Structure formats: structure tokens, C-alpha cells
Amino acid sequence: MKKARYGRFINTNWKTLHDQPLTTRSVNDLLQNTIPAIRHRNFLSADECSKLVDIVQKHQIGSYNQERRFKAEADIDILGRVATLLEEATGLETRIAREDGRAYFAGLLRAVKDYIQIHSDYAPYDGTDWEIGKITSQLTWNILLRQVPGGDTIIYDRQWQGESDEGFRKAFPRYAYEPSGVQGSVFKALTAIEGDLTFFNSRYVPVPSLY
């Protein structure tokens, strides 16, 4: 519980609402839900973002092929960069999960026209029969490739509770939750800045990305 302005008290697990730099401590804090977000500024340069947007607009193909084209046509390995950065910041080894000897696809490319509805992602609930279902914590990272009006990701200090939260799930689309599920929760608007790499705890959301 934190004391807000005017002497009022609010319930929150977060010790600050400010973006934190990527360090071992901030990663641990994010996993423990004592901060809402990490920001690594200028992860991609303006020129690199422009090159990647051009590739997306040129080919208009699926996420997996786009990632391959990023490497082949722009010589930019986004997944490799993120993995290296995390290893340098935390000293922990990173790898892509595997299932029956085959690597998962990592690195979703999403073109958002309007917004993404309130939702959360947590593999122990979403993928109980997969290797990723055995994890104990989960983070999500985002990179905005082209600056747009708005674009904030709204992060709620509200832990997803699995089956007990099913009453908040919408009939359509099934991934989304009703706003009543986060009513009264403290939230942070994570500003979208072109080229910045941001991390948040994807169990402690739900998260709508507004565009």
C-alpha cells in the first residue's frame, strides 16, 4: 500500500511508476512485480526502424518470414540482440524454448490498426502441456518500429489468476477480458517510443495496447 497525494492510500505492489533501466536488479524487480516496466532506450536506431518498416510494407508476409527477412535484407537480428542484452544485463543464459527437438518461434511481429483488448499472457496457464508451461516467471518485450499518435501500453497492477479469472473473459474475442477485471487497479501508461526496447511482466497486466 502506497500513500498518494492528498493523504489518500492506494493499493499497489509497485515502488515507482517510472521506467527503469535494464539491470539485474530491475529484471528481478519486474519478475517480483515491484516495478511496472523496464525501458532500454535507442535499442534500434531511426535508420534501422525505417529499414524494418520498409521490409514489412514491401513483403506483407507472416511474422516468421519477416524475422528472417530482417536478418537477410537489413542484417538486423532483433532476437539475437535482445538475448545478448539480457545476458549482459543479468549474467543469465538465454535460449529459445524447444519442443520435441524443434525450436519455438519467438518474436511476433504485429501491425495494429486500432488497439489490442485487455488481456494477459502466462505460459503455465496458456500452455500447460508445452515446455514453456514449466516456467515460473514470464516477461514480455516490445519494440515500436514506427512512431504513431498514442501507442501507449496500459499495464495494470493486477495478477492474472488463471481459472478463477475466467468470469472476466469475453465471449468474443476469447483472449480478451472485460474492463471490470481490472477495475480499481493501479495502472501505468507505458509510452511507445520508436526504437526503444521495453519489458513488462505479462502475468501482472492485463494489457491493452492503444493505437
C-alpha atoms as a PDB file:
ATOM      1  CA  MET A   1       0.000   0.000   0.000  1.00  0.00           C
ATOM      2  CA  LYS A   2       1.346   3.425  -1.007  1.00  0.00           C
ATOM      3  CA  LYS A   3       0.451   6.885   0.173  1.00  0.00           C
ATOM      4  CA  ALA A   4      -0.631   9.112  -2.694  1.00  0.00           C
ATOM      5  CA  ARG A   5      -1.082  12.865  -2.898  1.00  0.00           C
ATOM      6  CA  TYR A   6      -3.626  14.496  -0.601  1.00  0.00           C
ATOM      7  CA  GLY A   7      -3.062  11.807   2.050  1.00  0.00           C
ATOM      8  CA  ARG A   8      -5.016   9.080   0.258  1.00  0.00           C
ATOM      9  CA  PHE A   9      -3.794   5.487   0.231  1.00  0.00           C
ATOM     10  CA  ILE A  10      -3.776   3.244  -2.803  1.00  0.00           C
ATOM     11  CA  ASN A  11      -3.107  -0.487  -3.017  1.00  0.00           C
ATOM     12  CA  THR A  12      -0.154  -1.267  -5.266  1.00  0.00           C
ATOM     13  CA  ASN A  13       2.848  -3.561  -5.342  1.00  0.00           C
ATOM     14  CA  TRP A  14       4.912  -1.035  -7.291  1.00  0.00           C
ATOM     15  CA  LYS A  15       7.507   1.109  -5.556  1.00  0.00           C
ATOM     16  CA  THR A  16       7.676   3.537  -8.507  1.00  0.00           C
ATOM     17  CA  LEU A  17       5.821   4.280 -11.728  1.00  0.00           C
ATOM     18  CA  HIS A  18       8.946   5.471 -13.538  1.00  0.00           C
ATOM     19  CA  ASP A  19      10.537   3.381 -16.294  1.00  0.00           C
ATOM     20  CA  GLN A  20      13.660   1.632 -15.036  1.00  0.00           C
ATOM     21  CA  PRO A  21      16.891   0.910 -16.956  1.00  0.00           C
ATOM     22  CA  LEU A  22      17.774  -2.668 -17.829  1.00  0.00           C
ATOM     23  CA  THR A  23      19.866  -4.122 -14.985  1.00  0.00           C
ATOM     24  CA  THR A  24      19.978  -7.322 -12.960  1.00  0.00           C
ATOM     25  CA  ARG A  25      18.085  -5.586 -10.185  1.00  0.00           C
ATOM     26  CA  SER A  26      15.371  -4.163 -12.441  1.00  0.00           C
ATOM     27  CA  VAL A  27      14.783  -7.559 -14.083  1.00  0.00           C
ATOM     28  CA  ASN A  28      14.382  -9.139 -10.646  1.00  0.00           C
ATOM     29  CA  ASP A  29      12.079  -6.297  -9.585  1.00  0.00           C
ATOM     30  CA  LEU A  30       9.972  -6.776 -12.698  1.00  0.00           C
ATOM     31  CA  LEU A  31       9.695 -10.514 -12.094  1.00  0.00           C
ATOM     32  CA  GLN A  32       8.656  -9.779  -8.492  1.00  0.00           C
ATOM     33  CA  ASN A  33       6.188  -7.122  -9.688  1.00  0.00           C
ATOM     34  CA  THR A  34       7.679  -4.294  -7.654  1.00  0.00           C
ATOM     35  CA  ILE A  35       8.081  -2.120 -10.786  1.00  0.00           C
ATOM     36  CA  PRO A  36       5.792  -1.909 -13.835  1.00  0.00           C
ATOM     37  CA  ALA A  37       8.295  -1.628 -16.692  1.00  0.00           C
ATOM     38  CA  ILE A  38      11.877  -1.519 -17.964  1.00  0.00           C
ATOM     39  CA  ARG A  39      12.995   0.702 -20.840  1.00  0.00           C
ATOM     40  CA  HIS A  40      16.236   0.333 -22.827  1.00  0.00           C
ATOM     41  CA  ARG A  41      16.460   3.459 -24.935  1.00  0.00           C
ATOM     42  CA  ASN A  42      17.524   3.526 -28.589  1.00  0.00           C
ATOM     43  CA  PHE A  43      17.674  -0.238 -28.965  1.00  0.00           C
ATOM     44  CA  LEU A  44      17.135   0.337 -32.691  1.00  0.00           C
ATOM     45  CA  SER A  45      18.280   3.482 -34.466  1.00  0.00           C
ATOM     46  CA  ALA A  46      15.869   5.576 -36.533  1.00  0.00           C
ATOM     47  CA  ASP A  47      17.554   4.286 -39.693  1.00  0.00           C
ATOM     48  CA  GLU A  48      17.168   0.666 -38.565  1.00  0.00           C
ATOM     49  CA  CYS A  49      13.488   1.176 -37.734  1.00  0.00           C
ATOM     50  CA  SER A  50      12.920   2.713 -41.170  1.00  0.00           C
ATOM     51  CA  LYS A  51      14.613  -0.241 -42.886  1.00  0.00           C
ATOM     52  CA  LEU A  52      12.482  -2.756 -40.992  1.00  0.00           C
ATOM     53  CA  VAL A  53       9.242  -0.890 -41.729  1.00  0.00           C
ATOM     54  CA  ASP A  54      10.161  -0.841 -45.424  1.00  0.00           C
ATOM     55  CA  ILE A  55      10.634  -4.632 -45.343  1.00  0.00           C
ATOM     56  CA  VAL A  56       7.265  -5.135 -43.662  1.00  0.00           C
ATOM     57  CA  GLN A  57       5.479  -2.912 -46.178  1.00  0.00           C
ATOM     58  CA  LYS A  58       7.278  -4.450 -49.135  1.00  0.00           C
ATOM     59  CA  HIS A  59       6.547  -8.094 -48.405  1.00  0.00           C
ATOM     60  CA  GLN A  60       3.355  -8.146 -46.314  1.00  0.00           C
ATOM     61  CA  ILE A  61       4.054 -11.703 -45.127  1.00  0.00           C
ATOM     62  CA  GLY A  62       3.863 -13.625 -41.871  1.00  0.00           C
ATOM     63  CA  SER A  63       5.784 -12.920 -38.689  1.00  0.00           C
ATOM     64  CA  TYR A  64       8.243 -15.792 -39.055  1.00  0.00           C
ATOM     65  CA  ASN A  65       9.276 -14.853 -42.595  1.00  0.00           C
ATOM     66  CA  GLN A  66       9.546 -11.191 -41.651  1.00  0.00           C
ATOM     67  CA  GLU A  67      12.070 -12.044 -38.943  1.00  0.00           C
ATOM     68  CA  ARG A  68      14.122 -13.981 -41.487  1.00  0.00           C
ATOM     69  CA  ARG A  69      13.952 -11.095 -43.933  1.00  0.00           C
ATOM     70  CA  PHE A  70      15.075  -8.646 -41.245  1.00  0.00           C
ATOM     71  CA  LYS A  71      18.285 -10.649 -40.983  1.00  0.00           C
ATOM     72  CA  ALA A  72      18.739 -11.263 -44.699  1.00  0.00           C
ATOM     73  CA  GLU A  73      17.825  -7.834 -46.069  1.00  0.00           C
ATOM     74  CA  ALA A  74      18.726  -5.450 -43.236  1.00  0.00           C
ATOM     75  CA  ASP A  75      21.310  -7.556 -41.372  1.00  0.00           C
ATOM     76  CA  ILE A  76      19.396  -6.909 -38.133  1.00  0.00           C
ATOM     77  CA  ASP A  77      18.968  -9.847 -35.749  1.00  0.00           C
ATOM     78  CA  ILE A  78      16.450  -8.490 -33.253  1.00  0.00           C
ATOM     79  CA  LEU A  79      16.062 -11.719 -31.253  1.00  0.00           C
ATOM     80  CA  GLY A  80      19.813 -12.151 -31.033  1.00  0.00           C
ATOM     81  CA  ARG A  81      20.245  -8.577 -29.828  1.00  0.00           C
ATOM     82  CA  VAL A  82      17.578  -8.938 -27.141  1.00  0.00           C
ATOM     83  CA  ALA A  83      19.082 -12.223 -25.933  1.00  0.00           C
ATOM     84  CA  THR A  84      22.599 -10.748 -25.795  1.00  0.00           C
ATOM     85  CA  LEU A  85      21.384  -7.653 -23.977  1.00  0.00           C
ATOM     86  CA  LEU A  86      19.582  -9.741 -21.342  1.00  0.00           C
ATOM     87  CA  GLU A  87      22.612 -11.964 -20.834  1.00  0.00           C
ATOM     88  CA  GLU A  88      24.890  -8.945 -20.420  1.00  0.00           C
ATOM     89  CA  ALA A  89      22.493  -7.247 -18.002  1.00  0.00           C
ATOM     90  CA  THR A  90      21.696 -10.275 -15.837  1.00  0.00           C
ATOM     91  CA  GLY A  91      24.512 -12.790 -16.325  1.00  0.00           C
ATOM     92  CA  LEU A  92      21.874 -15.437 -17.113  1.00  0.00           C
ATOM     93  CA  GLU A  93      21.931 -17.693 -20.150  1.00  0.00           C
ATOM     94  CA  THR A  94      19.115 -17.268 -22.654  1.00  0.00           C
ATOM     95  CA  ARG A  95      17.791 -19.701 -25.245  1.00  0.00           C
ATOM     96  CA  ILE A  96      14.706 -20.304 -27.362  1.00  0.00           C
ATOM     97  CA  ALA A  97      12.395 -22.960 -25.936  1.00  0.00           C
ATOM     98  CA  ARG A  98      12.208 -26.293 -27.738  1.00  0.00           C
ATOM     99  CA  GLU A  99       9.546 -28.984 -28.099  1.00  0.00           C
ATOM    100  CA  ASP A 100      10.479 -32.473 -29.332  1.00  0.00           C
ATOM    101  CA  GLY A 101      13.767 -31.144 -30.661  1.00  0.00           C
ATOM    102  CA  ARG A 102      12.151 -28.276 -32.584  1.00  0.00           C
ATOM    103  CA  ALA A 103      12.603 -24.628 -31.617  1.00  0.00           C
ATOM    104  CA  TYR A 104       9.606 -22.463 -30.842  1.00  0.00           C
ATOM    105  CA  PHE A 105       9.035 -19.382 -32.942  1.00  0.00           C
ATOM    106  CA  ALA A 106       9.982 -16.300 -30.937  1.00  0.00           C
ATOM    107  CA  GLY A 107       9.396 -12.721 -31.979  1.00  0.00           C
ATOM    108  CA  LEU A 108       5.836 -11.866 -33.002  1.00  0.00           C
ATOM    109  CA  LEU A 109       5.525  -9.031 -35.491  1.00  0.00           C
ATOM    110  CA  ARG A 110       2.191  -7.264 -35.128  1.00  0.00           C
ATOM    111  CA  ALA A 111       0.664  -4.459 -37.172  1.00  0.00           C
ATOM    112  CA  VAL A 112      -2.044  -2.852 -35.024  1.00  0.00           C
ATOM    113  CA  LYS A 113      -4.690  -0.679 -36.659  1.00  0.00           C
ATOM    114  CA  ASP A 114      -6.694   0.404 -33.621  1.00  0.00           C
ATOM    115  CA  TYR A 115      -5.951  -1.370 -30.335  1.00  0.00           C
ATOM    116  CA  ILE A 116      -5.421  -4.698 -28.605  1.00  0.00           C
ATOM    117  CA  GLN A 117      -8.015  -5.564 -25.994  1.00  0.00           C
ATOM    118  CA  ILE A 118      -7.305  -6.164 -22.298  1.00  0.00           C
ATOM    119  CA  HIS A 119      -5.531  -9.493 -21.919  1.00  0.00           C
ATOM    120  CA  SER A 120      -2.659 -11.256 -20.228  1.00  0.00           C
ATOM    121  CA  ASP A 121      -0.129 -13.936 -21.181  1.00  0.00           C
ATOM    122  CA  TYR A 122       1.260 -16.538 -18.816  1.00  0.00           C
ATOM    123  CA  ALA A 123       2.519 -19.863 -20.156  1.00  0.00           C
ATOM    124  CA  PRO A 124       1.773 -22.020 -17.045  1.00  0.00           C
ATOM    125  CA  TYR A 125      -1.912 -21.225 -17.704  1.00  0.00           C
ATOM    126  CA  ASP A 126      -1.850 -20.918 -21.513  1.00  0.00           C
ATOM    127  CA  GLY A 127       0.457 -23.810 -22.402  1.00  0.00           C
ATOM    128  CA  THR A 128       0.364 -26.374 -19.617  1.00  0.00           C
ATOM    129  CA  ASP A 129       1.425 -29.221 -21.924  1.00  0.00           C
ATOM    130  CA  TRP A 130       4.333 -27.342 -23.529  1.00  0.00           C
ATOM    131  CA  GLU A 131       7.886 -26.760 -22.353  1.00  0.00           C
ATOM    132  CA  ILE A 132       7.048 -23.109 -21.727  1.00  0.00           C
ATOM    133  CA  GLY A 133       4.309 -24.272 -19.358  1.00  0.00           C
ATOM    134  CA  LYS A 134       7.043 -25.264 -16.902  1.00  0.00           C
ATOM    135  CA  ILE A 135       8.361 -21.735 -16.379  1.00  0.00           C
ATOM    136  CA  THR A 136       7.946 -19.907 -13.071  1.00  0.00           C
ATOM    137  CA  SER A 137       8.005 -16.304 -14.379  1.00  0.00           C
ATOM    138  CA  GLN A 138       7.413 -14.567 -17.677  1.00  0.00           C
ATOM    139  CA  LEU A 139       8.247 -11.194 -19.222  1.00  0.00           C
ATOM    140  CA  THR A 140       7.160  -9.629 -22.493  1.00  0.00           C
ATOM    141  CA  TRP A 141       9.257  -7.247 -24.574  1.00  0.00           C
ATOM    142  CA  ASN A 142       8.090  -4.752 -27.204  1.00  0.00           C
ATOM    143  CA  ILE A 143       9.779  -2.560 -29.807  1.00  0.00           C
ATOM    144  CA  LEU A 144       7.854   0.090 -31.741  1.00  0.00           C
ATOM    145  CA  LEU A 145       9.147   0.338 -35.323  1.00  0.00           C
ATOM    146  CA  ARG A 146       7.284   3.478 -36.388  1.00  0.00           C
ATOM    147  CA  GLN A 147       6.111   6.364 -34.226  1.00  0.00           C
ATOM    148  CA  VAL A 148       2.338   6.752 -34.133  1.00  0.00           C
ATOM    149  CA  PRO A 149      -0.090   9.005 -32.256  1.00  0.00           C
ATOM    150  CA  GLY A 150      -0.792   7.349 -28.905  1.00  0.00           C
ATOM    151  CA  GLY A 151       0.580   3.832 -28.861  1.00  0.00           C
ATOM    152  CA  ASP A 152       0.742   3.515 -25.066  1.00  0.00           C
ATOM    153  CA  THR A 153       0.615   0.084 -23.446  1.00  0.00           C
ATOM    154  CA  ILE A 154      -1.545   0.206 -20.320  1.00  0.00           C
ATOM    155  CA  ILE A 155      -0.103  -2.046 -17.618  1.00  0.00           C
ATOM    156  CA  TYR A 156      -2.280  -2.910 -14.624  1.00  0.00           C
ATOM    157  CA  ASP A 157      -1.018  -3.944 -11.203  1.00  0.00           C
ATOM    158  CA  ARG A 158      -3.321  -6.944 -11.323  1.00  0.00           C
ATOM    159  CA  GLN A 159      -2.035 -10.524 -11.348  1.00  0.00           C
ATOM    160  CA  TRP A 160      -3.832 -12.944 -13.636  1.00  0.00           C
ATOM    161  CA  GLN A 161      -5.207 -15.801 -11.520  1.00  0.00           C
ATOM    162  CA  GLY A 162      -5.965 -18.371 -14.207  1.00  0.00           C
ATOM    163  CA  GLU A 163      -9.252 -20.273 -13.932  1.00  0.00           C
ATOM    164  CA  SER A 164     -10.547 -18.072 -11.127  1.00  0.00           C
ATOM    165  CA  ASP A 165     -10.464 -15.130 -13.548  1.00  0.00           C
ATOM    166  CA  GLU A 166     -12.445 -16.890 -16.278  1.00  0.00           C
ATOM    167  CA  GLY A 167     -15.549 -14.974 -15.229  1.00  0.00           C
ATOM    168  CA  PHE A 168     -13.938 -11.831 -16.638  1.00  0.00           C
ATOM    169  CA  ARG A 169     -13.169 -13.398 -20.032  1.00  0.00           C
ATOM    170  CA  LYS A 170     -15.146 -12.117 -23.003  1.00  0.00           C
ATOM    171  CA  ALA A 171     -17.211 -14.439 -25.175  1.00  0.00           C
ATOM    172  CA  PHE A 172     -15.509 -12.808 -28.169  1.00  0.00           C
ATOM    173  CA  PRO A 173     -12.653 -12.442 -28.673  1.00  0.00           C
ATOM    174  CA  ARG A 174     -11.741 -15.213 -26.231  1.00  0.00           C
ATOM    175  CA  TYR A 175      -8.293 -13.859 -25.459  1.00  0.00           C
ATOM    176  CA  ALA A 176      -9.727 -10.641 -24.026  1.00  0.00           C
ATOM    177  CA  TYR A 177     -11.059  -9.682 -20.588  1.00  0.00           C
ATOM    178  CA  GLU A 178     -13.802  -7.323 -19.504  1.00  0.00           C
ATOM    179  CA  PRO A 179     -12.662  -3.964 -18.056  1.00  0.00           C
ATOM    180  CA  SER A 180     -14.331  -4.932 -14.778  1.00  0.00           C
ATOM    181  CA  GLY A 181     -11.463  -7.383 -14.265  1.00  0.00           C
ATOM    182  CA  VAL A 182      -9.036  -4.508 -13.665  1.00  0.00           C
ATOM    183  CA  GLN A 183     -11.417  -2.058 -12.036  1.00  0.00           C
ATOM    184  CA  GLY A 184      -9.730  -0.259  -9.150  1.00  0.00           C
ATOM    185  CA  SER A 185      -6.227  -1.452 -10.109  1.00  0.00           C
ATOM    186  CA  VAL A 186      -3.313   0.950 -10.288  1.00  0.00           C
ATOM    187  CA  PHE A 187      -2.020   1.242 -13.843  1.00  0.00           C
ATOM    188  CA  LYS A 188       0.877   2.678 -15.792  1.00  0.00           C
ATOM    189  CA  ALA A 189       0.778   4.056 -19.340  1.00  0.00           C
ATOM    190  CA  LEU A 190       3.983   2.781 -20.917  1.00  0.00           C
ATOM    191  CA  THR A 191       4.779   5.343 -23.589  1.00  0.00           C
ATOM    192  CA  ALA A 192       5.641   3.931 -27.008  1.00  0.00           C
ATOM    193  CA  ILE A 193       8.833   5.481 -28.399  1.00  0.00           C
ATOM    194  CA  GLU A 194      10.223   4.394 -31.732  1.00  0.00           C
ATOM    195  CA  GLY A 195      13.285   2.191 -31.338  1.00  0.00           C
ATOM    196  CA  ASP A 196      13.061   1.749 -27.559  1.00  0.00           C
ATOM    197  CA  LEU A 197      13.003  -1.770 -26.111  1.00  0.00           C
ATOM    198  CA  THR A 198      10.531  -2.161 -23.250  1.00  0.00           C
ATOM    199  CA  PHE A 199       9.802  -5.046 -20.886  1.00  0.00           C
ATOM    200  CA  PHE A 200       6.818  -5.722 -18.627  1.00  0.00           C
ATOM    201  CA  ASN A 201       5.501  -8.640 -16.598  1.00  0.00           C
ATOM    202  CA  SER A 202       2.879 -10.274 -18.796  1.00  0.00           C
ATOM    203  CA  ARG A 203       1.104 -12.028 -15.928  1.00  0.00           C
ATOM    204  CA  TYR A 204       0.599  -8.837 -13.981  1.00  0.00           C
ATOM    205  CA  VAL A 205      -1.367  -6.986 -16.523  1.00  0.00           C
ATOM    206  CA  PRO A 206      -3.913  -7.444 -18.291  1.00  0.00           C
ATOM    207  CA  VAL A 207      -2.605  -5.265 -21.113  1.00  0.00           C
ATOM    208  CA  PRO A 208      -4.380  -3.245 -23.792  1.00  0.00           C
ATOM    209  CA  SER A 209      -2.100  -1.549 -26.332  1.00  0.00           C
ATOM    210  CA  LEU A 210      -3.816   1.580 -27.630  1.00  0.00           C
ATOM    211  CA  TYR A 211      -3.118   2.952 -31.116  1.00  0.00           C
END
